[in-house]
């Protein structure tokens, strides 16, 4: 049974690296974005709010952890858990701000885009929440599918070459 869960470690490395980078982006962009005039309110650097914890830091950490699990996993079950964790966190990036009025007395958490033009506000919405979430879900789903398509187990290395059967006489 354990043989069936084994897989090559390199199977999820690229997806894992992408998820680690996307997790870092998602967890840190609200804090460093104001340096580049790319933020949600409050648009000051390194300002912590509870909304940033629930909508940025925790999902960013979950995506980061999912990526790390994909990078280091030698077992299919660990890699699948990492991909699933990242996908759920990516979905939260995409819909968390929209769903936040449900538990926050009809007030959306996360603030509003700080851009001065419609284009900049749209880019902030896509890059900080919605588009980031869609990208994370896409990469995590691709990794999940790749893990499911792994053949059962890793073929053991042959210790001896197979016997030559050409000279064998069949008695029948």
Protein backbone atom coordinates (compact mmCIF):
# COMPACT_ATOMS: atom_id res chain seq x y z
CA UNK A 1 0.00 0.00 0.00
CA UNK A 2 2.78 2.44 0.88
CA UNK A 3 4.40 1.76 -2.49
CA UNK A 4 1.26 3.01 -4.24
CA UNK A 5 1.46 6.37 -2.48
CA UNK A 6 5.09 7.02 -3.39
CA UNK A 7 5.97 9.31 -6.27
CA UNK A 8 8.97 11.19 -7.57
CA UNK A 9 9.74 14.31 -5.56
CA UNK A 10 10.16 16.36 -8.71
CA UNK A 11 6.50 15.78 -9.61
CA UNK A 12 5.21 18.93 -7.89
CA UNK A 13 8.26 21.17 -7.72
CA UNK A 14 7.33 23.71 -10.42
CA UNK A 15 3.75 24.05 -9.16
CA UNK A 16 5.06 24.27 -5.61
CA UNK A 17 7.49 27.06 -6.46
CA UNK A 18 4.73 29.00 -8.23
CA UNK A 19 2.43 28.56 -5.24
CA UNK A 20 5.13 29.68 -2.81
CA UNK A 21 5.66 32.85 -4.86
CA UNK A 22 1.91 33.50 -5.15
CA UNK A 23 1.51 32.92 -1.41
CA UNK A 24 4.26 35.41 -0.64
CA UNK A 25 2.65 37.91 -3.00
CA UNK A 26 -0.79 37.45 -1.45
CA UNK A 27 0.45 37.67 2.13
CA UNK A 28 2.75 40.65 1.66
CA UNK A 29 1.30 42.83 -1.12
CA UNK A 30 -1.00 44.73 1.24
CA UNK A 31 2.00 45.67 3.38
CA UNK A 32 4.52 46.59 0.67
CA UNK A 33 2.12 47.67 -2.09
CA UNK A 34 1.75 51.24 -0.78
CA UNK A 35 5.44 51.79 -1.57
CA UNK A 36 4.39 51.50 -5.23
CA UNK A 37 0.94 53.15 -4.91
CA UNK A 38 -0.67 49.71 -5.26
CA UNK A 39 -2.91 48.98 -2.29
CA UNK A 40 -6.29 48.84 -0.63
CA UNK A 41 -7.22 51.23 2.14
CA UNK A 42 -5.60 51.87 4.54
CA UNK A 43 -2.89 52.56 2.00
CA UNK A 44 0.03 52.95 4.37
CA UNK A 45 2.92 50.52 4.50
CA UNK A 46 3.07 47.81 7.16
CA UNK A 47 -0.35 48.63 8.64
CA UNK A 48 -1.94 45.58 10.26
CA UNK A 49 -5.72 45.17 10.40
CA UNK A 50 -7.92 42.21 11.22
CA UNK A 51 -9.23 42.33 7.66
CA UNK A 52 -5.70 41.88 6.35
CA UNK A 53 -5.24 38.91 8.66
CA UNK A 54 -8.37 37.13 7.35
CA UNK A 55 -8.17 38.18 3.71
CA UNK A 56 -4.42 38.33 3.04
CA UNK A 57 -2.11 36.88 5.69
CA UNK A 58 -3.89 33.60 6.47
CA UNK A 59 -4.72 32.66 2.87
CA UNK A 60 -1.22 33.72 1.79
CA UNK A 61 0.28 31.49 4.48
CA UNK A 62 -1.96 28.60 3.42
CA UNK A 63 -0.91 28.95 -0.24
CA UNK A 64 2.73 29.19 0.85
CA UNK A 65 2.40 26.04 3.00
CA UNK A 66 0.62 24.19 0.19
CA UNK A 67 3.48 25.10 -2.15
CA UNK A 68 6.09 23.92 0.35
CA UNK A 69 4.22 20.63 0.76
CA UNK A 70 4.20 20.15 -3.01
CA UNK A 71 7.94 20.82 -3.19
CA UNK A 72 8.96 18.40 -0.44
CA UNK A 73 6.32 15.68 -0.85
CA UNK A 74 7.48 12.18 -1.65
CA UNK A 75 4.03 10.74 -1.02
CA UNK A 76 0.96 11.35 -3.10
CA UNK A 77 -1.25 12.01 -0.07
CA UNK A 78 0.95 14.88 1.17
CA UNK A 79 1.13 16.44 -2.29
CA UNK A 80 -2.63 16.17 -2.76
CA UNK A 81 -3.20 17.81 0.62
CA UNK A 82 -0.81 20.64 -0.30
CA UNK A 83 -2.57 21.23 -3.62
CA UNK A 84 -6.00 21.12 -1.98
CA UNK A 85 -4.91 23.51 0.78
CA UNK A 86 -3.59 25.97 -1.80
CA UNK A 87 -6.75 25.68 -3.92
CA UNK A 88 -9.03 26.42 -0.97
CA UNK A 89 -6.88 29.40 0.03
CA UNK A 90 -6.92 30.65 -3.57
CA UNK A 91 -10.70 30.42 -3.63
CA UNK A 92 -10.72 32.42 -0.40
CA UNK A 93 -8.56 35.10 -2.02
CA UNK A 94 -11.12 35.34 -4.83
CA UNK A 95 -14.33 35.41 -2.78
CA UNK A 96 -13.32 36.29 0.79
CA UNK A 97 -13.78 40.04 0.43
CA UNK A 98 -17.13 39.51 -1.28
CA UNK A 99 -18.39 37.17 1.46
CA UNK A 100 -17.05 39.22 4.38
CA UNK A 101 -20.27 41.26 4.90
CA UNK A 102 -21.96 38.02 5.98
CA UNK A 103 -20.11 38.03 9.31
CA UNK A 104 -19.11 41.69 9.57
CA UNK A 105 -22.51 43.39 9.99
CA UNK A 106 -22.99 44.14 6.27
CA UNK A 107 -19.61 45.90 5.96
CA UNK A 108 -17.09 44.55 3.48
CA UNK A 109 -13.67 43.82 4.96
CA UNK A 110 -10.53 44.68 3.10
CA UNK A 111 -11.24 48.31 2.32
CA UNK A 112 -11.45 49.77 -1.16
CA UNK A 113 -8.82 50.05 -3.88
CA UNK A 114 -6.65 53.10 -3.28
CA UNK A 115 -6.01 53.85 -6.97
CA UNK A 116 -7.08 57.20 -8.36
CA UNK A 117 -8.25 55.94 -11.76
CA UNK A 118 -10.75 53.25 -12.70
CA UNK A 119 -7.99 51.29 -14.45
CA UNK A 120 -5.73 51.35 -11.38
CA UNK A 121 -8.57 50.33 -9.04
CA UNK A 122 -9.40 47.44 -11.37
CA UNK A 123 -5.76 46.32 -11.50
CA UNK A 124 -5.57 46.47 -7.70
CA UNK A 125 -8.74 44.37 -7.35
CA UNK A 126 -7.43 41.77 -9.79
CA UNK A 127 -3.86 41.67 -8.50
CA UNK A 128 -4.61 41.65 -4.78
CA UNK A 129 -7.73 39.50 -4.56
CA UNK A 130 -9.67 38.11 -7.50
CA UNK A 131 -6.97 37.47 -10.10
CA UNK A 132 -4.56 36.21 -7.48
CA UNK A 133 -7.16 33.75 -6.25
CA UNK A 134 -7.93 32.52 -9.75
CA UNK A 135 -4.20 32.06 -10.49
CA UNK A 136 -3.68 30.12 -7.25
CA UNK A 137 -6.67 27.86 -7.89
CA UNK A 138 -5.46 27.22 -11.45
CA UNK A 139 -1.92 26.25 -10.41
CA UNK A 140 -3.16 24.18 -7.47
CA UNK A 141 -5.71 22.37 -9.65
CA UNK A 142 -3.04 21.61 -12.23
CA UNK A 143 -0.82 20.21 -9.49
CA UNK A 144 -3.74 18.22 -8.07
CA UNK A 145 -4.46 16.71 -11.47
CA UNK A 146 -0.81 15.91 -11.98
CA UNK A 147 -0.68 14.11 -8.63
CA UNK A 148 -3.78 12.09 -9.48
CA UNK A 149 -2.29 11.05 -12.81
CA UNK A 150 0.84 9.60 -11.19
CA UNK A 151 0.99 5.85 -11.90
CA UNK A 152 0.64 3.68 -8.81
CA UNK A 153 4.00 3.68 -7.07
CA UNK A 154 7.52 3.97 -8.39
CA UNK A 155 8.85 0.99 -10.26
CA UNK A 156 11.63 -0.62 -8.23
CA UNK A 157 15.06 -0.67 -9.82
CA UNK A 158 15.80 -4.04 -11.38
CA UNK A 159 18.59 -5.78 -9.52
CA UNK A 160 19.18 -8.34 -12.24
CA UNK A 161 18.40 -8.24 -15.93
CA UNK A 162 15.43 -10.36 -17.00
CA UNK A 163 16.22 -13.91 -18.02
CA UNK A 164 16.54 -14.55 -21.73
CA UNK A 165 13.69 -16.82 -22.80
CA UNK A 166 14.59 -17.27 -26.47
CA UNK A 167 16.34 -20.62 -25.91
CA UNK A 168 13.60 -22.02 -23.67
CA UNK A 169 11.85 -25.05 -25.07
CA UNK A 170 8.13 -25.28 -24.51
CA UNK A 171 7.00 -28.81 -23.66
CA UNK A 172 3.46 -29.27 -24.22
